[in-house]
PDB file of N, CA and C in Angstrom:
ATOM      1  N   MET A   1       4.505   2.511   0.928  1.00  0.00           N
ATOM      2  CA  MET A   1       4.108   1.114   0.959  1.00  0.00           C
ATOM      3  C   MET A   1       5.096   0.287   1.786  1.00  0.00           C
ATOM      4  N   MET A   2       6.391   0.539   1.600  1.00  0.00           N
ATOM      5  CA  MET A   2       7.394  -0.211   2.356  1.00  0.00           C
ATOM      6  C   MET A   2       7.329   0.125   3.846  1.00  0.00           C
ATOM      7  N   LEU A   3       7.010   1.376   4.144  1.00  0.00           N
ATOM      8  CA  LEU A   3       6.905   1.774   5.543  1.00  0.00           C
ATOM      9  C   LEU A   3       5.741   1.049   6.217  1.00  0.00           C
ATOM     10  N   LYS A   4       4.634   0.922   5.501  1.00  0.00           N
ATOM     11  CA  LYS A   4       3.480   0.216   6.045  1.00  0.00           C
ATOM     12  C   LYS A   4       3.804  -1.266   6.259  1.00  0.00           C
ATOM     13  N   ALA A   5       4.512  -1.862   5.316  1.00  0.00           N
ATOM     14  CA  ALA A   5       4.898  -3.272   5.453  1.00  0.00           C
ATOM     15  C   ALA A   5       5.846  -3.457   6.637  1.00  0.00           C
ATOM     16  N   PHE A   6       6.775  -2.518   6.801  1.00  0.00           N
ATOM     17  CA  PHE A   6       7.713  -2.590   7.919  1.00  0.00           C
ATOM     18  C   PHE A   6       6.978  -2.551   9.255  1.00  0.00           C
ATOM     19  N   PHE A   7       6.067  -1.592   9.409  1.00  0.00           N
ATOM     20  CA  PHE A   7       5.334  -1.486  10.668  1.00  0.00           C
ATOM     21  C   PHE A   7       4.410  -2.676  10.889  1.00  0.00           C
ATOM     22  N   THR A   8       3.854  -3.232   9.820  1.00  0.00           N
ATOM     23  CA  THR A   8       3.025  -4.429   9.960  1.00  0.00           C
ATOM     24  C   THR A   8       3.841  -5.581  10.524  1.00  0.00           C
ATOM     25  N   VAL A   9       5.034  -5.771  10.002  1.00  0.00           N
ATOM     26  CA  VAL A   9       5.899  -6.851  10.491  1.00  0.00           C
ATOM     27  C   VAL A   9       6.302  -6.605  11.941  1.00  0.00           C
ATOM     28  N   VAL A  10       6.643  -5.374  12.269  1.00  0.00           N
ATOM     29  CA  VAL A  10       7.054  -5.056  13.643  1.00  0.00           C
ATOM     30  C   VAL A  10       5.913  -5.310  14.621  1.00  0.00           C
ATOM     31  N   TYR A  11       4.722  -4.816  14.299  1.00  0.00           N
ATOM     32  CA  TYR A  11       3.577  -5.033  15.187  1.00  0.00           C
ATOM     33  C   TYR A  11       3.220  -6.513  15.277  1.00  0.00           C
ATOM     34  N   PHE A  12       3.318  -7.235  14.167  1.00  0.00           N
ATOM     35  CA  PHE A  12       2.990  -8.657  14.170  1.00  0.00           C
ATOM     36  C   PHE A  12       3.972  -9.447  15.036  1.00  0.00           C
ATOM     37  N   ILE A  13       5.235  -9.082  15.000  1.00  0.00           N
ATOM     38  CA  ILE A  13       6.230  -9.748  15.856  1.00  0.00           C
ATOM     39  C   ILE A  13       5.946  -9.468  17.329  1.00  0.00           C
ATOM     40  N   ILE A  14       5.580  -8.239  17.642  1.00  0.00           N
ATOM     41  CA  ILE A  14       5.238  -7.899  19.030  1.00  0.00           C
ATOM     42  C   ILE A  14       4.039  -8.716  19.497  1.00  0.00           C
ATOM     43  N   PHE A  15       2.990  -8.769  18.657  1.00  0.00           N
ATOM     44  CA  PHE A  15       1.821  -9.572  19.021  1.00  0.00           C
ATOM     45  C   PHE A  15       2.175 -11.053  19.109  1.00  0.00           C
ATOM     46  N   GLY A  16       3.096 -11.503  18.272  1.00  0.00           N
ATOM     47  CA  GLY A  16       3.525 -12.902  18.325  1.00  0.00           C
ATOM     48  C   GLY A  16       4.169 -13.249  19.652  1.00  0.00           C
ATOM     49  N   TYR A  17       5.015 -12.360  20.155  1.00  0.00           N
ATOM     50  CA  TYR A  17       5.630 -12.597  21.460  1.00  0.00           C
ATOM     51  C   TYR A  17       4.578 -12.612  22.567  1.00  0.00           C
ATOM     52  N   ILE A  18       3.600 -11.739  22.469  1.00  0.00           N
ATOM     53  CA  ILE A  18       2.538 -11.708  23.478  1.00  0.00           C
ATOM     54  C   ILE A  18       1.724 -12.998  23.432  1.00  0.00           C
ATOM     55  N   ILE A  19       1.365 -13.448  22.228  1.00  0.00           N
ATOM     56  CA  ILE A  19       0.595 -14.685  22.089  1.00  0.00           C
ATOM     57  C   ILE A  19       1.401 -15.868  22.614  1.00  0.00           C
ATOM     58  N   ASP A  20       2.679 -15.910  22.288  1.00  0.00           N
ATOM     59  CA  ASP A  20       3.528 -17.003  22.770  1.00  0.00           C
ATOM     60  C   ASP A  20       3.647 -16.980  24.288  1.00  0.00           C
ATOM     61  N   PHE A  21       3.736 -15.799  24.865  1.00  0.00           N
ATOM     62  CA  PHE A  21       3.829 -15.681  26.321  1.00  0.00           C
ATOM     63  C   PHE A  21       2.544 -16.164  26.988  1.00  0.00           C
ATOM     64  N   VAL A  22       1.400 -15.789  26.425  1.00  0.00           N
ATOM     65  CA  VAL A  22       0.119 -16.152  27.030  1.00  0.00           C
ATOM     66  C   VAL A  22      -0.163 -17.645  26.886  1.00  0.00           C
ATOM     67  N   PHE A  23       0.041 -18.183  25.689  1.00  0.00           N
ATOM     68  CA  PHE A  23      -0.338 -19.568  25.435  1.00  0.00           C
ATOM     69  C   PHE A  23       0.818 -20.556  25.574  1.00  0.00           C
ATOM     70  N   GLY A  24       1.990 -20.108  25.908  1.00  0.00           N
ATOM     71  CA  GLY A  24       3.139 -20.993  26.020  1.00  0.00           C
ATOM     72  C   GLY A  24       3.080 -21.943  27.196  1.00  0.00           C
ATOM     73  N   HIS A  25       2.274 -21.629  28.185  1.00  0.00           N
ATOM     74  CA  HIS A  25       2.225 -22.437  29.397  1.00  0.00           C
ATOM     75  C   HIS A  25       1.064 -23.428  29.403  1.00  0.00           C
ATOM     76  N   PHE A  26       0.215 -23.386  28.374  1.00  0.00           N
ATOM     77  CA  PHE A  26      -0.914 -24.307  28.311  1.00  0.00           C
ATOM     78  C   PHE A  26      -0.490 -25.628  27.691  1.00  0.00           C
ATOM     79  N   SER A  27      -1.220 -26.665  28.034  1.00  0.00           N
ATOM     80  CA  SER A  27      -0.941 -27.965  27.426  1.00  0.00           C
ATOM     81  C   SER A  27      -1.375 -27.940  25.960  1.00  0.00           C
ATOM     82  N   CYS A  28      -0.762 -28.781  25.174  1.00  0.00           N
ATOM     83  CA  CYS A  28      -1.039 -28.815  23.742  1.00  0.00           C
ATOM     84  C   CYS A  28      -2.293 -29.652  23.494  1.00  0.00           C
ATOM     85  N   SER A  29      -3.360 -28.989  23.107  1.00  0.00           N
ATOM     86  CA  SER A  29      -4.596 -29.681  22.771  1.00  0.00           C
ATOM     87  C   SER A  29      -5.166 -29.057  21.505  1.00  0.00           C
ATOM     88  N   VAL A  30      -6.186 -29.680  20.971  1.00  0.00           N
ATOM     89  CA  VAL A  30      -6.793 -29.177  19.741  1.00  0.00           C
ATOM     90  C   VAL A  30      -7.413 -27.806  19.979  1.00  0.00           C
ATOM     91  N   MET A  31      -8.081 -27.634  21.099  1.00  0.00           N
ATOM     92  CA  MET A  31      -8.741 -26.366  21.391  1.00  0.00           C
ATOM     93  C   MET A  31      -7.721 -25.243  21.569  1.00  0.00           C
ATOM     94  N   THR A  32      -6.626 -25.524  22.234  1.00  0.00           N
ATOM     95  CA  THR A  32      -5.580 -24.518  22.409  1.00  0.00           C
ATOM     96  C   THR A  32      -4.957 -24.138  21.074  1.00  0.00           C
ATOM     97  N   THR A  33      -4.725 -25.116  20.228  1.00  0.00           N
ATOM     98  CA  THR A  33      -4.144 -24.849  18.912  1.00  0.00           C
ATOM     99  C   THR A  33      -5.075 -23.993  18.067  1.00  0.00           C
ATOM    100  N   LEU A  34      -6.365 -24.301  18.092  1.00  0.00           N
ATOM    101  CA  LEU A  34      -7.331 -23.498  17.338  1.00  0.00           C
ATOM    102  C   LEU A  34      -7.407 -22.072  17.875  1.00  0.00           C
ATOM    103  N   LEU A  35      -7.348 -21.931  19.184  1.00  0.00           N
ATOM    104  CA  LEU A  35      -7.383 -20.602  19.789  1.00  0.00           C
ATOM    105  C   LEU A  35      -6.141 -19.797  19.423  1.00  0.00           C
ATOM    106  N   VAL A  36      -4.992 -20.444  19.399  1.00  0.00           N
ATOM    107  CA  VAL A  36      -3.748 -19.764  19.011  1.00  0.00           C
ATOM    108  C   VAL A  36      -3.813 -19.323  17.553  1.00  0.00           C
ATOM    109  N   LEU A  37      -4.300 -20.189  16.675  1.00  0.00           N
ATOM    110  CA  LEU A  37      -4.435 -19.814  15.261  1.00  0.00           C
ATOM    111  C   LEU A  37      -5.401 -18.653  15.083  1.00  0.00           C
ATOM    112  N   TRP A  38      -6.484 -18.660  15.839  1.00  0.00           N
ATOM    113  CA  TRP A  38      -7.450 -17.571  15.788  1.00  0.00           C
ATOM    114  C   TRP A  38      -6.800 -16.263  16.266  1.00  0.00           C
ATOM    115  N   CYS A  39      -6.006 -16.338  17.317  1.00  0.00           N
ATOM    116  CA  CYS A  39      -5.304 -15.151  17.824  1.00  0.00           C
ATOM    117  C   CYS A  39      -4.277 -14.638  16.820  1.00  0.00           C
ATOM    118  N   TRP A  40      -3.579 -15.543  16.114  1.00  0.00           N
ATOM    119  CA  TRP A  40      -2.623 -15.118  15.086  1.00  0.00           C
ATOM    120  C   TRP A  40      -3.339 -14.368  13.968  1.00  0.00           C
ATOM    121  N   ALA A  41      -4.510 -14.857  13.566  1.00  0.00           N
ATOM    122  CA  ALA A  41      -5.264 -14.192  12.498  1.00  0.00           C
ATOM    123  C   ALA A  41      -5.710 -12.803  12.937  1.00  0.00           C
ATOM    124  N   ILE A  42      -6.200 -12.695  14.151  1.00  0.00           N
ATOM    125  CA  ILE A  42      -6.612 -11.389  14.672  1.00  0.00           C
ATOM    126  C   ILE A  42      -5.404 -10.470  14.822  1.00  0.00           C
ATOM    127  N   ALA A  43      -4.275 -11.005  15.247  1.00  0.00           N
ATOM    128  CA  ALA A  43      -3.056 -10.202  15.386  1.00  0.00           C
ATOM    129  C   ALA A  43      -2.611  -9.650  14.039  1.00  0.00           C
ATOM    130  N   LEU A  44      -2.756 -10.442  12.983  1.00  0.00           N
ATOM    131  CA  LEU A  44      -2.397  -9.959  11.652  1.00  0.00           C
ATOM    132  C   LEU A  44      -3.302  -8.811  11.223  1.00  0.00           C
ATOM    133  N   ILE A  45      -4.595  -8.944  11.448  1.00  0.00           N
ATOM    134  CA  ILE A  45      -5.537  -7.884  11.087  1.00  0.00           C
ATOM    135  C   ILE A  45      -5.252  -6.613  11.885  1.00  0.00           C
ATOM    136  N   ILE A  46      -5.028  -6.758  13.176  1.00  0.00           N
ATOM    137  CA  ILE A  46      -4.738  -5.597  14.020  1.00  0.00           C
ATOM    138  C   ILE A  46      -3.403  -4.966  13.629  1.00  0.00           C
ATOM    139  N   SER A  47      -2.420  -5.774  13.276  1.00  0.00           N
ATOM    140  CA  SER A  47      -1.111  -5.253  12.866  1.00  0.00           C
ATOM    141  C   SER A  47      -1.223  -4.400  11.615  1.00  0.00           C
ATOM    142  N   VAL A  48      -2.013  -4.850  10.658  1.00  0.00           N
ATOM    143  CA  VAL A  48      -2.207  -4.070   9.434  1.00  0.00           C
ATOM    144  C   VAL A  48      -2.896  -2.750   9.755  1.00  0.00           C
ATOM    145  N   GLY A  49      -3.910  -2.790  10.601  1.00  0.00           N
ATOM    146  CA  GLY A  49      -4.608  -1.565  10.986  1.00  0.00           C
ATOM    147  C   GLY A  49      -3.711  -0.594  11.729  1.00  0.00           C
ATOM    148  N   LEU A  50      -2.926  -1.098  12.660  1.00  0.00           N
ATOM    149  CA  LEU A  50      -2.008  -0.230  13.398  1.00  0.00           C
ATOM    150  C   LEU A  50      -0.926   0.349  12.495  1.00  0.00           C
ATOM    151  N   ALA A  51      -0.466  -0.433  11.535  1.00  0.00           N
ATOM    152  CA  ALA A  51       0.552   0.063  10.605  1.00  0.00           C
ATOM    153  C   ALA A  51      -0.011   1.187   9.743  1.00  0.00           C
ATOM    154  N   GLU A  52      -1.232   1.021   9.255  1.00  0.00           N
ATOM    155  CA  GLU A  52      -1.850   2.089   8.467  1.00  0.00           C
ATOM    156  C   GLU A  52      -2.021   3.349   9.305  1.00  0.00           C
ATOM    157  N   TYR A  53      -2.454   3.193  10.544  1.00  0.00           N
ATOM    158  CA  TYR A  53      -2.630   4.337  11.430  1.00  0.00           C
ATOM    159  C   TYR A  53      -1.291   5.020  11.713  1.00  0.00           C
ATOM    160  N   THR A  54      -0.249   4.236  11.963  1.00  0.00           N
ATOM    161  CA  THR A  54       1.071   4.791  12.256  1.00  0.00           C
ATOM    162  C   THR A  54       1.623   5.565  11.067  1.00  0.00           C
ATOM    163  N   VAL A  55       1.516   4.994   9.873  1.00  0.00           N
ATOM    164  CA  VAL A  55       2.017   5.676   8.675  1.00  0.00           C
ATOM    165  C   VAL A  55       1.226   6.955   8.428  1.00  0.00           C
ATOM    166  N   LYS A  56      -0.071   6.907   8.669  1.00  0.00           N
ATOM    167  CA  LYS A  56      -0.907   8.104   8.502  1.00  0.00           C
ATOM    168  C   LYS A  56      -0.465   9.204   9.466  1.00  0.00           C
ATOM    169  N   LYS A  57      -0.185   8.851  10.715  1.00  0.00           N
ATOM    170  CA  LYS A  57       0.247   9.845  11.696  1.00  0.00           C
ATOM    171  C   LYS A  57       1.648  10.374  11.389  1.00  0.00           C
ATOM    172  N   ILE A  58       2.515   9.538  10.855  1.00  0.00           N
ATOM    173  CA  ILE A  58       3.867   9.989  10.508  1.00  0.00           C
ATOM    174  C   ILE A  58       3.816  11.003   9.377  1.00  0.00           C
ATOM    175  N   ARG A  59       2.960  10.766   8.404  1.00  0.00           N
ATOM    176  CA  ARG A  59       2.886  11.643   7.231  1.00  0.00           C
ATOM    177  C   ARG A  59       2.164  12.949   7.496  1.00  0.00           C
ATOM    178  N   GLU A  60       1.473  13.058   8.620  1.00  0.00           N
ATOM    179  CA  GLU A  60       0.775  14.318   8.937  1.00  0.00           C
ATOM    180  C   GLU A  60       1.730  15.383   9.405  1.00  0.00           C
TER     181      GLU A  60
END
């Protein structure tokens, strides 16, 4: 369980840097903010999935 949480945090931080890099140069508007929040939510879901996959492959 701790290994899965660790990988989730690591993947989420990586996705966070990517999101910040992509959206860091746009002007601050309501649409940009909503898009960033939507990307953060998707990044969290993908991070959990990748962490489960990584832990599964490590244990094999």
